[in-house]
């Protein structure tokens, strides 16, 4: 797992940690996924890759969204577990997580 040390931008050699934030809705969604028995370490592994600006594995199927979610990106933590976020050059904000049917 790539470590997450905090929510502020830090430089270590060539690595840059993006500033990041979790919406209250994301925190609620995460608690729900934990109550459903999901391994929360999996989502933290994906979050760590994103904030350290590391490429996501192919299995995450990262892609831009359209419609009501235009401007946001989603990726898969597991087959039917997705995370929705907005990433800029300086910051990443995590908005929602859940199953596909949760997020419709």
PDB file of N, CA and C in Angstrom:
ATOM      1  N   UNK A   1       0.842  -1.183   0.000  1.00  0.00           N
ATOM      2  CA  UNK A   1       0.000   0.000   0.000  1.00  0.00           C
ATOM      3  C   UNK A   1       0.885   1.242   0.000  1.00  0.00           C
ATOM      4  N   UNK A   2       0.515   2.225  -0.768  1.00  0.00           N
ATOM      5  CA  UNK A   2       1.209   3.503  -0.785  1.00  0.00           C
ATOM      6  C   UNK A   2       0.695   4.314   0.394  1.00  0.00           C
ATOM      7  N   UNK A   3       1.595   4.875   1.234  1.00  0.00           N
ATOM      8  CA  UNK A   3       1.132   5.569   2.439  1.00  0.00           C
ATOM      9  C   UNK A   3       0.447   6.891   2.141  1.00  0.00           C
ATOM     10  N   UNK A   4      -0.528   7.223   2.990  1.00  0.00           N
ATOM     11  CA  UNK A   4      -1.169   8.536   2.963  1.00  0.00           C
ATOM     12  C   UNK A   4      -0.784   9.206   4.281  1.00  0.00           C
ATOM     13  N   UNK A   5      -0.105  10.329   4.211  1.00  0.00           N
ATOM     14  CA  UNK A   5       0.354  10.998   5.424  1.00  0.00           C
ATOM     15  C   UNK A   5      -0.497  12.178   5.840  1.00  0.00           C
ATOM     16  N   UNK A   6      -1.359  12.639   5.008  1.00  0.00           N
ATOM     17  CA  UNK A   6      -2.183  13.783   5.391  1.00  0.00           C
ATOM     18  C   UNK A   6      -2.843  14.397   4.188  1.00  0.00           C
ATOM     19  N   UNK A   7      -3.595  15.420   4.417  1.00  0.00           N
ATOM     20  CA  UNK A   7      -4.355  16.038   3.354  1.00  0.00           C
ATOM     21  C   UNK A   7      -3.714  17.270   2.760  1.00  0.00           C
ATOM     22  N   UNK A   8      -2.421  17.437   2.909  1.00  0.00           N
ATOM     23  CA  UNK A   8      -1.788  18.616   2.329  1.00  0.00           C
ATOM     24  C   UNK A   8      -0.730  18.209   1.319  1.00  0.00           C
ATOM     25  N   UNK A   9      -0.455  19.118   0.406  1.00  0.00           N
ATOM     26  CA  UNK A   9       0.503  18.849  -0.649  1.00  0.00           C
ATOM     27  C   UNK A   9       1.913  18.773  -0.064  1.00  0.00           C
ATOM     28  N   UNK A  10       2.653  17.752  -0.401  1.00  0.00           N
ATOM     29  CA  UNK A  10       4.015  17.586   0.102  1.00  0.00           C
ATOM     30  C   UNK A  10       4.903  17.091  -1.026  1.00  0.00           C
ATOM     31  N   UNK A  11       6.131  17.514  -1.031  1.00  0.00           N
ATOM     32  CA  UNK A  11       7.092  17.060  -2.036  1.00  0.00           C
ATOM     33  C   UNK A  11       8.124  16.163  -1.364  1.00  0.00           C
ATOM     34  N   UNK A  12       8.335  15.017  -1.950  1.00  0.00           N
ATOM     35  CA  UNK A  12       9.396  14.121  -1.504  1.00  0.00           C
ATOM     36  C   UNK A  12      10.084  13.658  -2.771  1.00  0.00           C
ATOM     37  N   UNK A  13      11.215  14.257  -3.079  1.00  0.00           N
ATOM     38  CA  UNK A  13      11.869  13.922  -4.328  1.00  0.00           C
ATOM     39  C   UNK A  13      10.962  14.327  -5.466  1.00  0.00           C
ATOM     40  N   UNK A  14      10.610  13.388  -6.321  1.00  0.00           N
ATOM     41  CA  UNK A  14       9.723  13.674  -7.452  1.00  0.00           C
ATOM     42  C   UNK A  14       8.271  13.366  -7.144  1.00  0.00           C
ATOM     43  N   UNK A  15       7.997  12.751  -5.997  1.00  0.00           N
ATOM     44  CA  UNK A  15       6.620  12.413  -5.655  1.00  0.00           C
ATOM     45  C   UNK A  15       5.891  13.635  -5.116  1.00  0.00           C
ATOM     46  N   UNK A  16       4.667  13.821  -5.548  1.00  0.00           N
ATOM     47  CA  UNK A  16       3.842  14.921  -5.059  1.00  0.00           C
ATOM     48  C   UNK A  16       2.532  14.345  -4.535  1.00  0.00           C
ATOM     49  N   UNK A  17       2.240  14.646  -3.303  1.00  0.00           N
ATOM     50  CA  UNK A  17       0.987  14.242  -2.693  1.00  0.00           C
ATOM     51  C   UNK A  17      -0.031  15.344  -2.941  1.00  0.00           C
ATOM     52  N   UNK A  18      -1.092  15.021  -3.669  1.00  0.00           N
ATOM     53  CA  UNK A  18      -2.148  16.003  -3.911  1.00  0.00           C
ATOM     54  C   UNK A  18      -2.890  16.301  -2.612  1.00  0.00           C
ATOM     55  N   UNK A  19      -3.361  17.518  -2.488  1.00  0.00           N
ATOM     56  CA  UNK A  19      -4.277  17.858  -1.415  1.00  0.00           C
ATOM     57  C   UNK A  19      -5.551  17.059  -1.677  1.00  0.00           C
ATOM     58  N   UNK A  20      -6.169  16.515  -0.634  1.00  0.00           N
ATOM     59  CA  UNK A  20      -7.377  15.717  -0.858  1.00  0.00           C
ATOM     60  C   UNK A  20      -8.391  15.957   0.237  1.00  0.00           C
ATOM     61  N   UNK A  21      -9.656  15.671  -0.094  1.00  0.00           N
ATOM     62  CA  UNK A  21     -10.749  15.845   0.850  1.00  0.00           C
ATOM     63  C   UNK A  21     -11.826  14.805   0.574  1.00  0.00           C
ATOM     64  N   UNK A  22     -12.555  14.455   1.627  1.00  0.00           N
ATOM     65  CA  UNK A  22     -13.680  13.536   1.534  1.00  0.00           C
ATOM     66  C   UNK A  22     -14.944  14.317   1.881  1.00  0.00           C
ATOM     67  N   UNK A  23     -15.967  14.243   1.029  1.00  0.00           N
ATOM     68  CA  UNK A  23     -17.239  14.876   1.368  1.00  0.00           C
ATOM     69  C   UNK A  23     -17.905  14.085   2.487  1.00  0.00           C
ATOM     70  N   UNK A  24     -18.832  14.725   3.171  1.00  0.00           N
ATOM     71  CA  UNK A  24     -19.582  14.014   4.209  1.00  0.00           C
ATOM     72  C   UNK A  24     -20.329  12.827   3.611  1.00  0.00           C
ATOM     73  N   UNK A  25     -20.850  12.994   2.382  1.00  0.00           N
ATOM     74  CA  UNK A  25     -21.552  11.895   1.727  1.00  0.00           C
ATOM     75  C   UNK A  25     -20.614  10.723   1.490  1.00  0.00           C
ATOM     76  N   UNK A  26     -19.379  10.986   1.074  1.00  0.00           N
ATOM     77  CA  UNK A  26     -18.408   9.920   0.853  1.00  0.00           C
ATOM     78  C   UNK A  26     -18.154   9.164   2.162  1.00  0.00           C
ATOM     79  N   UNK A  27     -18.015   9.887   3.264  1.00  0.00           N
ATOM     80  CA  UNK A  27     -17.777   9.241   4.559  1.00  0.00           C
ATOM     81  C   UNK A  27     -18.949   8.354   4.951  1.00  0.00           C
ATOM     82  N   UNK A  28     -20.183   8.833   4.711  1.00  0.00           N
ATOM     83  CA  UNK A  28     -21.369   8.018   4.997  1.00  0.00           C
ATOM     84  C   UNK A  28     -21.406   6.780   4.103  1.00  0.00           C
ATOM     85  N   UNK A  29     -21.115   6.977   2.817  1.00  0.00           N
ATOM     86  CA  UNK A  29     -21.100   5.855   1.873  1.00  0.00           C
ATOM     87  C   UNK A  29     -20.075   4.803   2.296  1.00  0.00           C
ATOM     88  N   UNK A  30     -18.908   5.269   2.741  1.00  0.00           N
ATOM     89  CA  UNK A  30     -17.843   4.359   3.141  1.00  0.00           C
ATOM     90  C   UNK A  30     -18.257   3.528   4.361  1.00  0.00           C
ATOM     91  N   UNK A  31     -18.917   4.174   5.320  1.00  0.00           N
ATOM     92  CA  UNK A  31     -19.413   3.443   6.491  1.00  0.00           C
ATOM     93  C   UNK A  31     -20.421   2.376   6.081  1.00  0.00           C
ATOM     94  N   UNK A  32     -21.294   2.713   5.117  1.00  0.00           N
ATOM     95  CA  UNK A  32     -22.276   1.752   4.626  1.00  0.00           C
ATOM     96  C   UNK A  32     -21.586   0.561   3.978  1.00  0.00           C
ATOM     97  N   UNK A  33     -20.558   0.823   3.162  1.00  0.00           N
ATOM     98  CA  UNK A  33     -19.840  -0.279   2.509  1.00  0.00           C
ATOM     99  C   UNK A  33     -19.145  -1.156   3.539  1.00  0.00           C
ATOM    100  N   UNK A  34     -18.647  -0.552   4.597  1.00  0.00           N
ATOM    101  CA  UNK A  34     -18.007  -1.337   5.661  1.00  0.00           C
ATOM    102  C   UNK A  34     -19.039  -2.211   6.372  1.00  0.00           C
ATOM    103  N   UNK A  35     -20.231  -1.658   6.643  1.00  0.00           N
ATOM    104  CA  UNK A  35     -21.303  -2.450   7.267  1.00  0.00           C
ATOM    105  C   UNK A  35     -21.736  -3.608   6.377  1.00  0.00           C
ATOM    106  N   UNK A  36     -21.584  -3.433   5.061  1.00  0.00           N
ATOM    107  CA  UNK A  36     -21.925  -4.497   4.116  1.00  0.00           C
ATOM    108  C   UNK A  36     -20.829  -5.560   4.026  1.00  0.00           C
ATOM    109  N   UNK A  37     -19.761  -5.374   4.768  1.00  0.00           N
ATOM    110  CA  UNK A  37     -18.710  -6.380   4.811  1.00  0.00           C
ATOM    111  C   UNK A  37     -17.582  -6.181   3.809  1.00  0.00           C
ATOM    112  N   UNK A  38     -17.524  -5.011   3.173  1.00  0.00           N
ATOM    113  CA  UNK A  38     -16.452  -4.752   2.203  1.00  0.00           C
ATOM    114  C   UNK A  38     -15.132  -4.513   2.941  1.00  0.00           C
ATOM    115  N   UNK A  39     -14.043  -4.910   2.317  1.00  0.00           N
ATOM    116  CA  UNK A  39     -12.711  -4.692   2.855  1.00  0.00           C
ATOM    117  C   UNK A  39     -12.304  -3.251   2.543  1.00  0.00           C
ATOM    118  N   UNK A  40     -12.355  -2.395   3.540  1.00  0.00           N
ATOM    119  CA  UNK A  40     -12.114  -0.963   3.361  1.00  0.00           C
ATOM    120  C   UNK A  40     -10.669  -0.682   2.957  1.00  0.00           C
ATOM    121  N   UNK A  41      -9.756  -1.583   3.291  1.00  0.00           N
ATOM    122  CA  UNK A  41      -8.356  -1.402   2.882  1.00  0.00           C
ATOM    123  C   UNK A  41      -8.233  -1.292   1.366  1.00  0.00           C
ATOM    124  N   UNK A  42      -9.124  -1.961   0.643  1.00  0.00           N
ATOM    125  CA  UNK A  42      -9.065  -1.910  -0.824  1.00  0.00           C
ATOM    126  C   UNK A  42      -9.298  -0.496  -1.348  1.00  0.00           C
ATOM    127  N   UNK A  43     -10.259   0.213  -0.767  1.00  0.00           N
ATOM    128  CA  UNK A  43     -10.523   1.569  -1.256  1.00  0.00           C
ATOM    129  C   UNK A  43      -9.392   2.513  -0.853  1.00  0.00           C
ATOM    130  N   UNK A  44      -8.832   2.302   0.346  1.00  0.00           N
ATOM    131  CA  UNK A  44      -7.714   3.151   0.765  1.00  0.00           C
ATOM    132  C   UNK A  44      -6.484   2.928  -0.113  1.00  0.00           C
ATOM    133  N   UNK A  45      -6.298   1.720  -0.607  1.00  0.00           N
ATOM    134  CA  UNK A  45      -5.195   1.457  -1.542  1.00  0.00           C
ATOM    135  C   UNK A  45      -5.375   2.268  -2.829  1.00  0.00           C
ATOM    136  N   UNK A  46      -6.608   2.302  -3.348  1.00  0.00           N
ATOM    137  CA  UNK A  46      -6.891   3.061  -4.575  1.00  0.00           C
ATOM    138  C   UNK A  46      -6.753   4.565  -4.308  1.00  0.00           C
ATOM    139  N   UNK A  47      -7.256   5.027  -3.170  1.00  0.00           N
ATOM    140  CA  UNK A  47      -7.137   6.442  -2.812  1.00  0.00           C
ATOM    141  C   UNK A  47      -5.666   6.842  -2.723  1.00  0.00           C
ATOM    142  N   UNK A  48      -4.852   6.010  -2.109  1.00  0.00           N
ATOM    143  CA  UNK A  48      -3.422   6.312  -1.982  1.00  0.00           C
ATOM    144  C   UNK A  48      -2.769   6.458  -3.350  1.00  0.00           C
ATOM    145  N   UNK A  49      -3.103   5.568  -4.276  1.00  0.00           N
ATOM    146  CA  UNK A  49      -2.544   5.682  -5.625  1.00  0.00           C
ATOM    147  C   UNK A  49      -2.945   7.004  -6.269  1.00  0.00           C
ATOM    148  N   UNK A  50      -4.198   7.408  -6.078  1.00  0.00           N
ATOM    149  CA  UNK A  50      -4.681   8.652  -6.680  1.00  0.00           C
ATOM    150  C   UNK A  50      -4.001   9.883  -6.089  1.00  0.00           C
ATOM    151  N   UNK A  51      -3.884   9.953  -4.759  1.00  0.00           N
ATOM    152  CA  UNK A  51      -3.305  11.157  -4.158  1.00  0.00           C
ATOM    153  C   UNK A  51      -1.798  11.248  -4.400  1.00  0.00           C
ATOM    154  N   UNK A  52      -1.138  10.109  -4.613  1.00  0.00           N
ATOM    155  CA  UNK A  52       0.285  10.121  -4.954  1.00  0.00           C
ATOM    156  C   UNK A  52       0.488  10.193  -6.461  1.00  0.00           C
ATOM    157  N   UNK A  53      -0.593  10.353  -7.205  1.00  0.00           N
ATOM    158  CA  UNK A  53      -0.580  10.467  -8.660  1.00  0.00           C
ATOM    159  C   UNK A  53       0.100   9.283  -9.343  1.00  0.00           C
ATOM    160  N   UNK A  54      -0.142   8.109  -8.811  1.00  0.00           N
ATOM    161  CA  UNK A  54       0.336   6.870  -9.406  1.00  0.00           C
ATOM    162  C   UNK A  54      -0.737   6.345 -10.351  1.00  0.00           C
ATOM    163  N   UNK A  55      -0.361   5.639 -11.406  1.00  0.00           N
ATOM    164  CA  UNK A  55      -1.378   5.077 -12.311  1.00  0.00           C
ATOM    165  C   UNK A  55      -2.191   3.982 -11.615  1.00  0.00           C
ATOM    166  N   UNK A  56      -3.478   3.951 -11.934  1.00  0.00           N
ATOM    167  CA  UNK A  56      -4.346   2.908 -11.383  1.00  0.00           C
ATOM    168  C   UNK A  56      -4.205   1.638 -12.203  1.00  0.00           C
ATOM    169  N   UNK A  57      -4.355   0.471 -11.563  1.00  0.00           N
ATOM    170  CA  UNK A  57      -4.330  -0.773 -12.326  1.00  0.00           C
ATOM    171  C   UNK A  57      -5.506  -0.843 -13.307  1.00  0.00           C
ATOM    172  N   UNK A  58      -5.356  -1.611 -14.366  1.00  0.00           N
ATOM    173  CA  UNK A  58      -6.416  -1.766 -15.384  1.00  0.00           C
ATOM    174  C   UNK A  58      -7.739  -2.183 -14.763  1.00  0.00           C
ATOM    175  N   UNK A  59      -7.694  -3.018 -13.731  1.00  0.00           N
ATOM    176  CA  UNK A  59      -8.926  -3.539 -13.113  1.00  0.00           C
ATOM    177  C   UNK A  59      -9.807  -2.426 -12.557  1.00  0.00           C
ATOM    178  N   UNK A  60      -9.233  -1.253 -12.300  1.00  0.00           N
ATOM    179  CA  UNK A  60     -10.009  -0.128 -11.752  1.00  0.00           C
ATOM    180  C   UNK A  60     -10.888   0.549 -12.796  1.00  0.00           C
ATOM    181  N   UNK A  61     -10.599   0.341 -14.081  1.00  0.00           N
ATOM    182  CA  UNK A  61     -11.419   0.869 -15.183  1.00  0.00           C
ATOM    183  C   UNK A  61     -11.788   2.344 -14.985  1.00  0.00           C
ATOM    184  N   UNK A  62     -10.800   3.169 -14.730  1.00  0.00           N
ATOM    185  CA  UNK A  62     -11.007   4.600 -14.507  1.00  0.00           C
ATOM    186  C   UNK A  62     -11.540   5.266 -15.778  1.00  0.00           C
ATOM    187  N   UNK A  63     -12.585   6.086 -15.643  1.00  0.00           N
ATOM    188  CA  UNK A  63     -13.115   6.813 -16.793  1.00  0.00           C
ATOM    189  C   UNK A  63     -13.915   8.034 -16.345  1.00  0.00           C
ATOM    190  N   UNK A  64     -14.001   9.007 -17.247  1.00  0.00           N
ATOM    191  CA  UNK A  64     -14.782  10.231 -17.018  1.00  0.00           C
ATOM    192  C   UNK A  64     -16.265   9.905 -17.103  1.00  0.00           C
ATOM    193  N   UNK A  65     -17.065  10.669 -16.373  1.00  0.00           N
ATOM    194  CA  UNK A  65     -18.510  10.471 -16.377  1.00  0.00           C
ATOM    195  C   UNK A  65     -19.192  11.584 -17.163  1.00  0.00           C
ATOM    196  N   UNK A  66     -20.448  11.345 -17.518  1.00  0.00           N
ATOM    197  CA  UNK A  66     -21.237  12.346 -18.242  1.00  0.00           C
ATOM    198  C   UNK A  66     -22.596  12.465 -17.570  1.00  0.00           C
ATOM    199  N   UNK A  67     -23.451  13.293 -18.133  1.00  0.00           N
ATOM    200  CA  UNK A  67     -24.790  13.474 -17.574  1.00  0.00           C
ATOM    201  C   UNK A  67     -24.743  14.220 -16.255  1.00  0.00           C
ATOM    202  N   UNK A  68     -25.474  13.727 -15.255  1.00  0.00           N
ATOM    203  CA  UNK A  68     -25.517  14.368 -13.943  1.00  0.00           C
ATOM    204  C   UNK A  68     -24.146  14.413 -13.270  1.00  0.00           C
ATOM    205  N   UNK A  69     -23.269  13.502 -13.642  1.00  0.00           N
ATOM    206  CA  UNK A  69     -21.940  13.406 -13.038  1.00  0.00           C
ATOM    207  C   UNK A  69     -20.841  13.988 -13.927  1.00  0.00           C
ATOM    208  N   UNK A  70     -21.204  14.813 -14.897  1.00  0.00           N
ATOM    209  CA  UNK A  70     -20.220  15.375 -15.818  1.00  0.00           C
ATOM    210  C   UNK A  70     -19.142  16.140 -15.053  1.00  0.00           C
ATOM    211  N   UNK A  71     -17.902  15.952 -15.448  1.00  0.00           N
ATOM    212  CA  UNK A  71     -16.774  16.590 -14.774  1.00  0.00           C
ATOM    213  C   UNK A  71     -16.162  15.736 -13.686  1.00  0.00           C
ATOM    214  N   UNK A  72     -16.825  14.634 -13.350  1.00  0.00           N
ATOM    215  CA  UNK A  72     -16.312  13.720 -12.343  1.00  0.00           C
ATOM    216  C   UNK A  72     -15.731  12.480 -13.019  1.00  0.00           C
ATOM    217  N   UNK A  73     -14.971  11.740 -12.253  1.00  0.00           N
ATOM    218  CA  UNK A  73     -14.352  10.505 -12.729  1.00  0.00           C
ATOM    219  C   UNK A  73     -14.775   9.381 -11.812  1.00  0.00           C
ATOM    220  N   UNK A  74     -14.890   8.179 -12.351  1.00  0.00           N
ATOM    221  CA  UNK A  74     -15.125   7.039 -11.470  1.00  0.00           C
ATOM    222  C   UNK A  74     -14.109   5.957 -11.745  1.00  0.00           C
ATOM    223  N   UNK A  75     -13.910   5.141 -10.732  1.00  0.00           N
ATOM    224  CA  UNK A  75     -13.060   3.958 -10.887  1.00  0.00           C
ATOM    225  C   UNK A  75     -13.653   2.856 -10.022  1.00  0.00           C
ATOM    226  N   UNK A  76     -13.288   1.639 -10.351  1.00  0.00           N
ATOM    227  CA  UNK A  76     -13.807   0.472  -9.644  1.00  0.00           C
ATOM    228  C   UNK A  76     -12.827   0.035  -8.566  1.00  0.00           C
ATOM    229  N   UNK A  77     -13.340  -0.126  -7.358  1.00  0.00           N
ATOM    230  CA  UNK A  77     -12.562  -0.700  -6.269  1.00  0.00           C
ATOM    231  C   UNK A  77     -12.640  -2.222  -6.390  1.00  0.00           C
ATOM    232  N   UNK A  78     -13.840  -2.704  -6.651  1.00  0.00           N
ATOM    233  CA  UNK A  78     -14.132  -4.101  -6.956  1.00  0.00           C
ATOM    234  C   UNK A  78     -15.100  -4.095  -8.137  1.00  0.00           C
ATOM    235  N   UNK A  79     -15.518  -5.268  -8.534  1.00  0.00           N
ATOM    236  CA  UNK A  79     -16.388  -5.377  -9.699  1.00  0.00           C
ATOM    237  C   UNK A  79     -17.637  -4.506  -9.578  1.00  0.00           C
ATOM    238  N   UNK A  80     -18.364  -4.574  -8.454  1.00  0.00           N
ATOM    239  CA  UNK A  80     -19.560  -3.755  -8.272  1.00  0.00           C
ATOM    240  C   UNK A  80     -19.379  -2.807  -7.087  1.00  0.00           C
ATOM    241  N   UNK A  81     -18.225  -2.187  -7.016  1.00  0.00           N
ATOM    242  CA  UNK A  81     -17.952  -1.179  -5.991  1.00  0.00           C
ATOM    243  C   UNK A  81     -17.176  -0.058  -6.668  1.00  0.00           C
ATOM    244  N   UNK A  82     -17.809   1.099  -6.794  1.00  0.00           N
ATOM    245  CA  UNK A  82     -17.190   2.214  -7.506  1.00  0.00           C
ATOM    246  C   UNK A  82     -16.964   3.401  -6.570  1.00  0.00           C
ATOM    247  N   UNK A  83     -16.056   4.265  -6.991  1.00  0.00           N
ATOM    248  CA  UNK A  83     -15.745   5.478  -6.263  1.00  0.00           C
ATOM    249  C   UNK A  83     -15.785   6.627  -7.264  1.00  0.00           C
ATOM    250  N   UNK A  84     -16.431   7.731  -6.880  1.00  0.00           N
ATOM    251  CA  UNK A  84     -16.562   8.890  -7.768  1.00  0.00           C
ATOM    252  C   UNK A  84     -15.824  10.068  -7.141  1.00  0.00           C
ATOM    253  N   UNK A  85     -15.003  10.727  -7.975  1.00  0.00           N
ATOM    254  CA  UNK A  85     -14.159  11.813  -7.472  1.00  0.00           C
ATOM    255  C   UNK A  85     -13.903  12.837  -8.570  1.00  0.00           C
ATOM    256  N   UNK A  86     -13.372  14.000  -8.158  1.00  0.00           N
ATOM    257  CA  UNK A  86     -12.948  15.046  -9.086  1.00  0.00           C
ATOM    258  C   UNK A  86     -11.484  15.337  -8.790  1.00  0.00           C
ATOM    259  N   UNK A  87     -10.682  15.305  -9.841  1.00  0.00           N
ATOM    260  CA  UNK A  87      -9.245  15.512  -9.682  1.00  0.00           C
ATOM    261  C   UNK A  87      -8.808  16.717 -10.517  1.00  0.00           C
ATOM    262  N   UNK A  88      -8.057  17.628  -9.885  1.00  0.00           N
ATOM    263  CA  UNK A  88      -7.448  18.747 -10.599  1.00  0.00           C
ATOM    264  C   UNK A  88      -5.931  18.633 -10.434  1.00  0.00           C
ATOM    265  N   UNK A  89      -5.215  19.617 -10.913  1.00  0.00           N
ATOM    266  CA  UNK A  89      -3.751  19.586 -10.785  1.00  0.00           C
ATOM    267  C   UNK A  89      -3.295  19.683  -9.342  1.00  0.00           C
ATOM    268  N   UNK A  90      -4.100  20.300  -8.498  1.00  0.00           N
ATOM    269  CA  UNK A  90      -3.699  20.563  -7.114  1.00  0.00           C
ATOM    270  C   UNK A  90      -4.442  19.740  -6.071  1.00  0.00           C
ATOM    271  N   UNK A  91      -5.648  19.259  -6.394  1.00  0.00           N
ATOM    272  CA  UNK A  91      -6.505  18.659  -5.371  1.00  0.00           C
ATOM    273  C   UNK A  91      -7.364  17.550  -5.944  1.00  0.00           C
ATOM    274  N   UNK A  92      -7.720  16.615  -5.071  1.00  0.00           N
ATOM    275  CA  UNK A  92      -8.672  15.568  -5.436  1.00  0.00           C
ATOM    276  C   UNK A  92      -9.742  15.510  -4.335  1.00  0.00           C
ATOM    277  N   UNK A  93     -11.007  15.520  -4.757  1.00  0.00           N
ATOM    278  CA  UNK A  93     -12.131  15.458  -3.816  1.00  0.00           C
ATOM    279  C   UNK A  93     -12.908  14.180  -4.101  1.00  0.00           C
ATOM    280  N   UNK A  94     -13.120  13.395  -3.061  1.00  0.00           N
ATOM    281  CA  UNK A  94     -13.858  12.139  -3.177  1.00  0.00           C
ATOM    282  C   UNK A  94     -15.307  12.399  -2.778  1.00  0.00           C
ATOM    283  N   UNK A  95     -16.244  12.155  -3.726  1.00  0.00           N
ATOM    284  CA  UNK A  95     -17.649  12.512  -3.544  1.00  0.00           C
ATOM    285  C   UNK A  95     -18.534  11.357  -3.088  1.00  0.00           C
ATOM    286  N   UNK A  96     -18.455  10.211  -3.770  1.00  0.00           N
ATOM    287  CA  UNK A  96     -19.359   9.093  -3.500  1.00  0.00           C
ATOM    288  C   UNK A  96     -18.613   7.771  -3.633  1.00  0.00           C
ATOM    289  N   UNK A  97     -19.125   6.760  -2.955  1.00  0.00           N
ATOM    290  CA  UNK A  97     -18.691   5.393  -3.192  1.00  0.00           C
ATOM    291  C   UNK A  97     -19.873   4.469  -2.913  1.00  0.00           C
ATOM    292  N   UNK A  98     -19.914   3.354  -3.600  1.00  0.00           N
ATOM    293  CA  UNK A  98     -20.991   2.397  -3.423  1.00  0.00           C
ATOM    294  C   UNK A  98     -21.105   1.486  -4.620  1.00  0.00           C
ATOM    295  N   UNK A  99     -22.175   0.714  -4.654  1.00  0.00           N
ATOM    296  CA  UNK A  99     -22.428  -0.152  -5.795  1.00  0.00           C
ATOM    297  C   UNK A  99     -23.009   0.688  -6.930  1.00  0.00           C
ATOM    298  N   UNK A 100     -23.082   0.113  -8.112  1.00  0.00           N
ATOM    299  CA  UNK A 100     -23.677   0.834  -9.241  1.00  0.00           C
ATOM    300  C   UNK A 100     -25.117   1.243  -8.920  1.00  0.00           C
ATOM    301  N   UNK A 101     -25.883   0.345  -8.331  1.00  0.00           N
ATOM    302  CA  UNK A 101     -27.286   0.667  -8.034  1.00  0.00           C
ATOM    303  C   UNK A 101     -27.402   1.732  -6.941  1.00  0.00           C
ATOM    304  N   UNK A 102     -26.445   1.813  -6.008  1.00  0.00           N
ATOM    305  CA  UNK A 102     -26.453   2.866  -4.992  1.00  0.00           C
ATOM    306  C   UNK A 102     -26.328   4.242  -5.638  1.00  0.00           C
ATOM    307  N   UNK A 103     -25.539   4.324  -6.693  1.00  0.00           N
ATOM    308  CA  UNK A 103     -25.158   5.615  -7.261  1.00  0.00           C
ATOM    309  C   UNK A 103     -26.014   6.052  -8.443  1.00  0.00           C
ATOM    310  N   UNK A 104     -27.041   5.270  -8.791  1.00  0.00           N
ATOM    311  CA  UNK A 104     -27.923   5.673  -9.895  1.00  0.00           C
ATOM    312  C   UNK A 104     -28.836   6.803  -9.506  1.00  0.00           C
TER     313      UNK A 104
END
